[in-house]
């Protein structure tokens, strides 16, 4: 696991269903597949309402995808 959701108080603003389901679970997972690596992100890091800190996850995943 590369990142996890906090166990409680996930929501800072807005509306959230399923906080009890995702709390403490993986938000970002990496896995080796063959000679490569897959990065699975459980939210939209490029979404207009996300903080600039989440873009790091997206760009690092793209960077890892280009490595050999």
N, C-alpha and C. Protein backbone atom coordinates (compact mmCIF):
# COMPACT_ATOMS: atom_id res chain seq x y z
N UNK A 1 0.83 -1.18 0.00
CA UNK A 1 0.00 0.00 0.00
C UNK A 1 0.87 1.24 0.00
N UNK A 2 0.57 2.15 -0.86
CA UNK A 2 1.33 3.40 -0.91
C UNK A 2 0.69 4.47 -0.04
N UNK A 3 -0.64 4.43 0.13
CA UNK A 3 -1.35 5.42 0.95
C UNK A 3 -2.64 4.79 1.48
N UNK A 4 -3.05 5.21 2.67
CA UNK A 4 -4.29 4.70 3.25
C UNK A 4 -5.19 5.86 3.66
N UNK A 5 -6.49 5.57 3.75
CA UNK A 5 -7.43 6.55 4.25
C UNK A 5 -7.30 6.59 5.78
N UNK A 6 -7.53 7.73 6.41
CA UNK A 6 -7.54 7.75 7.88
C UNK A 6 -8.70 6.90 8.40
N UNK A 7 -8.61 6.42 9.62
CA UNK A 7 -9.65 5.56 10.18
C UNK A 7 -10.94 6.33 10.49
N UNK A 8 -10.82 7.58 10.90
CA UNK A 8 -12.00 8.39 11.23
C UNK A 8 -11.82 9.81 10.69
N UNK A 9 -12.90 10.54 10.63
CA UNK A 9 -12.92 11.95 10.21
C UNK A 9 -12.29 12.14 8.83
N UNK A 10 -12.73 11.35 7.86
CA UNK A 10 -12.23 11.47 6.48
C UNK A 10 -12.69 12.76 5.82
N UNK A 11 -13.91 13.15 6.08
CA UNK A 11 -14.53 14.27 5.38
C UNK A 11 -14.13 15.60 6.01
N UNK A 12 -13.58 16.49 5.20
CA UNK A 12 -13.26 17.83 5.65
C UNK A 12 -14.36 18.81 5.26
N UNK A 13 -14.99 18.57 4.11
CA UNK A 13 -16.13 19.37 3.67
C UNK A 13 -16.87 18.60 2.59
N UNK A 14 -18.12 18.93 2.39
CA UNK A 14 -18.90 18.28 1.33
C UNK A 14 -19.74 17.13 1.87
N UNK A 15 -19.87 16.07 1.06
CA UNK A 15 -20.76 14.96 1.37
C UNK A 15 -20.03 13.65 1.11
N UNK A 16 -20.16 12.69 2.01
CA UNK A 16 -19.46 11.42 1.86
C UNK A 16 -20.35 10.28 2.34
N UNK A 17 -20.52 9.29 1.48
CA UNK A 17 -21.20 8.05 1.86
C UNK A 17 -20.15 6.95 1.95
N UNK A 18 -20.23 6.11 2.95
CA UNK A 18 -19.32 4.97 3.06
C UNK A 18 -18.05 5.25 3.83
N UNK A 19 -18.05 6.27 4.66
CA UNK A 19 -16.84 6.57 5.44
C UNK A 19 -16.43 5.36 6.29
N UNK A 20 -17.39 4.66 6.84
CA UNK A 20 -17.09 3.50 7.68
C UNK A 20 -16.53 2.34 6.86
N UNK A 21 -16.79 2.33 5.55
CA UNK A 21 -16.31 1.25 4.69
C UNK A 21 -14.86 1.47 4.25
N UNK A 22 -14.51 2.71 3.90
CA UNK A 22 -13.16 2.97 3.38
C UNK A 22 -12.17 3.39 4.44
N UNK A 23 -12.63 3.74 5.63
CA UNK A 23 -11.74 4.19 6.71
C UNK A 23 -10.68 3.15 7.04
N UNK A 24 -9.42 3.54 7.01
CA UNK A 24 -8.31 2.65 7.32
C UNK A 24 -7.90 1.73 6.18
N UNK A 25 -8.57 1.81 5.05
CA UNK A 25 -8.25 0.95 3.89
C UNK A 25 -7.31 1.66 2.93
N UNK A 26 -6.86 0.94 1.92
CA UNK A 26 -5.91 1.47 0.95
C UNK A 26 -6.55 2.54 0.06
N UNK A 27 -5.85 3.63 -0.16
CA UNK A 27 -6.26 4.67 -1.08
C UNK A 27 -5.43 4.61 -2.36
N UNK A 28 -4.17 4.19 -2.23
CA UNK A 28 -3.27 4.02 -3.37
C UNK A 28 -2.52 2.71 -3.17
N UNK A 29 -2.51 1.88 -4.21
CA UNK A 29 -1.85 0.57 -4.14
C UNK A 29 -0.91 0.44 -5.33
N UNK A 30 0.27 -0.09 -5.08
CA UNK A 30 1.20 -0.40 -6.17
C UNK A 30 1.41 -1.91 -6.22
N UNK A 31 1.59 -2.42 -7.42
CA UNK A 31 1.80 -3.86 -7.59
C UNK A 31 2.71 -4.11 -8.78
N UNK A 32 3.59 -5.08 -8.63
CA UNK A 32 4.46 -5.48 -9.74
C UNK A 32 3.68 -6.43 -10.63
N UNK A 33 3.74 -6.18 -11.93
CA UNK A 33 3.09 -7.04 -12.92
C UNK A 33 4.11 -7.31 -14.01
N UNK A 34 4.57 -8.53 -14.07
CA UNK A 34 5.61 -8.87 -15.05
C UNK A 34 6.86 -8.06 -14.77
N UNK A 35 7.34 -7.36 -15.79
CA UNK A 35 8.52 -6.51 -15.63
C UNK A 35 8.15 -5.09 -15.22
N UNK A 36 6.87 -4.80 -15.17
CA UNK A 36 6.43 -3.44 -14.88
C UNK A 36 5.82 -3.28 -13.50
N UNK A 37 5.19 -2.14 -13.32
CA UNK A 37 4.56 -1.81 -12.05
C UNK A 37 3.25 -1.08 -12.34
N UNK A 38 2.22 -1.42 -11.57
CA UNK A 38 0.91 -0.78 -11.71
C UNK A 38 0.64 0.04 -10.47
N UNK A 39 0.15 1.27 -10.66
CA UNK A 39 -0.25 2.12 -9.55
C UNK A 39 -1.75 2.32 -9.67
N UNK A 40 -2.50 1.89 -8.64
CA UNK A 40 -3.96 2.03 -8.64
C UNK A 40 -4.34 3.07 -7.60
N UNK A 41 -5.02 4.12 -8.07
CA UNK A 41 -5.43 5.23 -7.20
C UNK A 41 -6.94 5.15 -7.02
N UNK A 42 -7.40 5.12 -5.77
CA UNK A 42 -8.81 4.93 -5.46
C UNK A 42 -9.63 6.20 -5.42
N UNK A 43 -9.14 7.27 -5.99
CA UNK A 43 -9.88 8.53 -6.08
C UNK A 43 -9.36 9.29 -7.29
N UNK A 44 -9.98 10.40 -7.63
CA UNK A 44 -9.57 11.17 -8.81
C UNK A 44 -8.55 12.24 -8.40
N UNK A 45 -7.25 11.99 -8.56
CA UNK A 45 -6.26 12.98 -8.14
C UNK A 45 -6.26 14.22 -9.04
N UNK A 46 -6.82 14.12 -10.23
CA UNK A 46 -6.85 15.25 -11.15
C UNK A 46 -8.14 16.04 -11.05
N UNK A 47 -9.07 15.62 -10.18
CA UNK A 47 -10.37 16.28 -10.07
C UNK A 47 -10.21 17.72 -9.61
N UNK A 48 -11.07 18.60 -10.07
CA UNK A 48 -10.95 20.04 -9.81
C UNK A 48 -10.99 20.39 -8.32
N UNK A 49 -11.60 19.56 -7.50
CA UNK A 49 -11.73 19.89 -6.08
C UNK A 49 -10.61 19.30 -5.22
N UNK A 50 -9.71 18.54 -5.81
CA UNK A 50 -8.63 17.94 -5.03
C UNK A 50 -7.54 18.98 -4.76
N UNK A 51 -6.81 18.74 -3.69
CA UNK A 51 -5.72 19.66 -3.34
C UNK A 51 -4.53 19.44 -4.26
N UNK A 52 -3.63 20.38 -4.29
CA UNK A 52 -2.43 20.26 -5.13
C UNK A 52 -1.55 19.11 -4.66
N UNK A 53 -1.66 18.72 -3.40
CA UNK A 53 -0.87 17.61 -2.88
C UNK A 53 -1.18 16.29 -3.55
N UNK A 54 -2.43 16.12 -4.05
CA UNK A 54 -2.78 14.85 -4.68
C UNK A 54 -2.20 14.73 -6.08
N UNK A 55 -1.85 15.84 -6.70
CA UNK A 55 -1.25 15.77 -8.03
C UNK A 55 0.08 15.02 -8.00
N UNK A 56 0.78 15.08 -6.88
CA UNK A 56 2.05 14.36 -6.74
C UNK A 56 1.84 12.87 -6.97
N UNK A 57 0.74 12.32 -6.44
CA UNK A 57 0.44 10.91 -6.64
C UNK A 57 0.26 10.59 -8.11
N UNK A 58 -0.49 11.43 -8.81
CA UNK A 58 -0.74 11.21 -10.24
C UNK A 58 0.54 11.30 -11.05
N UNK A 59 1.32 12.34 -10.83
CA UNK A 59 2.54 12.52 -11.63
C UNK A 59 3.60 11.47 -11.31
N UNK A 60 3.69 11.05 -10.05
CA UNK A 60 4.62 9.98 -9.71
C UNK A 60 4.20 8.67 -10.36
N UNK A 61 2.89 8.40 -10.43
CA UNK A 61 2.41 7.19 -11.09
C UNK A 61 2.76 7.23 -12.57
N UNK A 62 2.62 8.39 -13.20
CA UNK A 62 2.98 8.53 -14.62
C UNK A 62 4.49 8.35 -14.80
N UNK A 63 5.27 8.89 -13.88
CA UNK A 63 6.73 8.77 -13.93
C UNK A 63 7.14 7.30 -13.83
N UNK A 64 6.54 6.57 -12.89
CA UNK A 64 6.86 5.15 -12.74
C UNK A 64 6.48 4.35 -13.97
N UNK A 65 5.43 4.78 -14.65
CA UNK A 65 4.99 4.07 -15.85
C UNK A 65 5.99 4.16 -16.99
N UNK A 66 6.84 5.16 -16.98
CA UNK A 66 7.81 5.32 -18.06
C UNK A 66 9.15 4.68 -17.78
N UNK A 67 9.33 4.12 -16.58
CA UNK A 67 10.61 3.51 -16.22
C UNK A 67 10.72 2.10 -16.77
N UNK A 68 11.95 1.68 -17.00
CA UNK A 68 12.22 0.30 -17.45
C UNK A 68 13.19 -0.35 -16.52
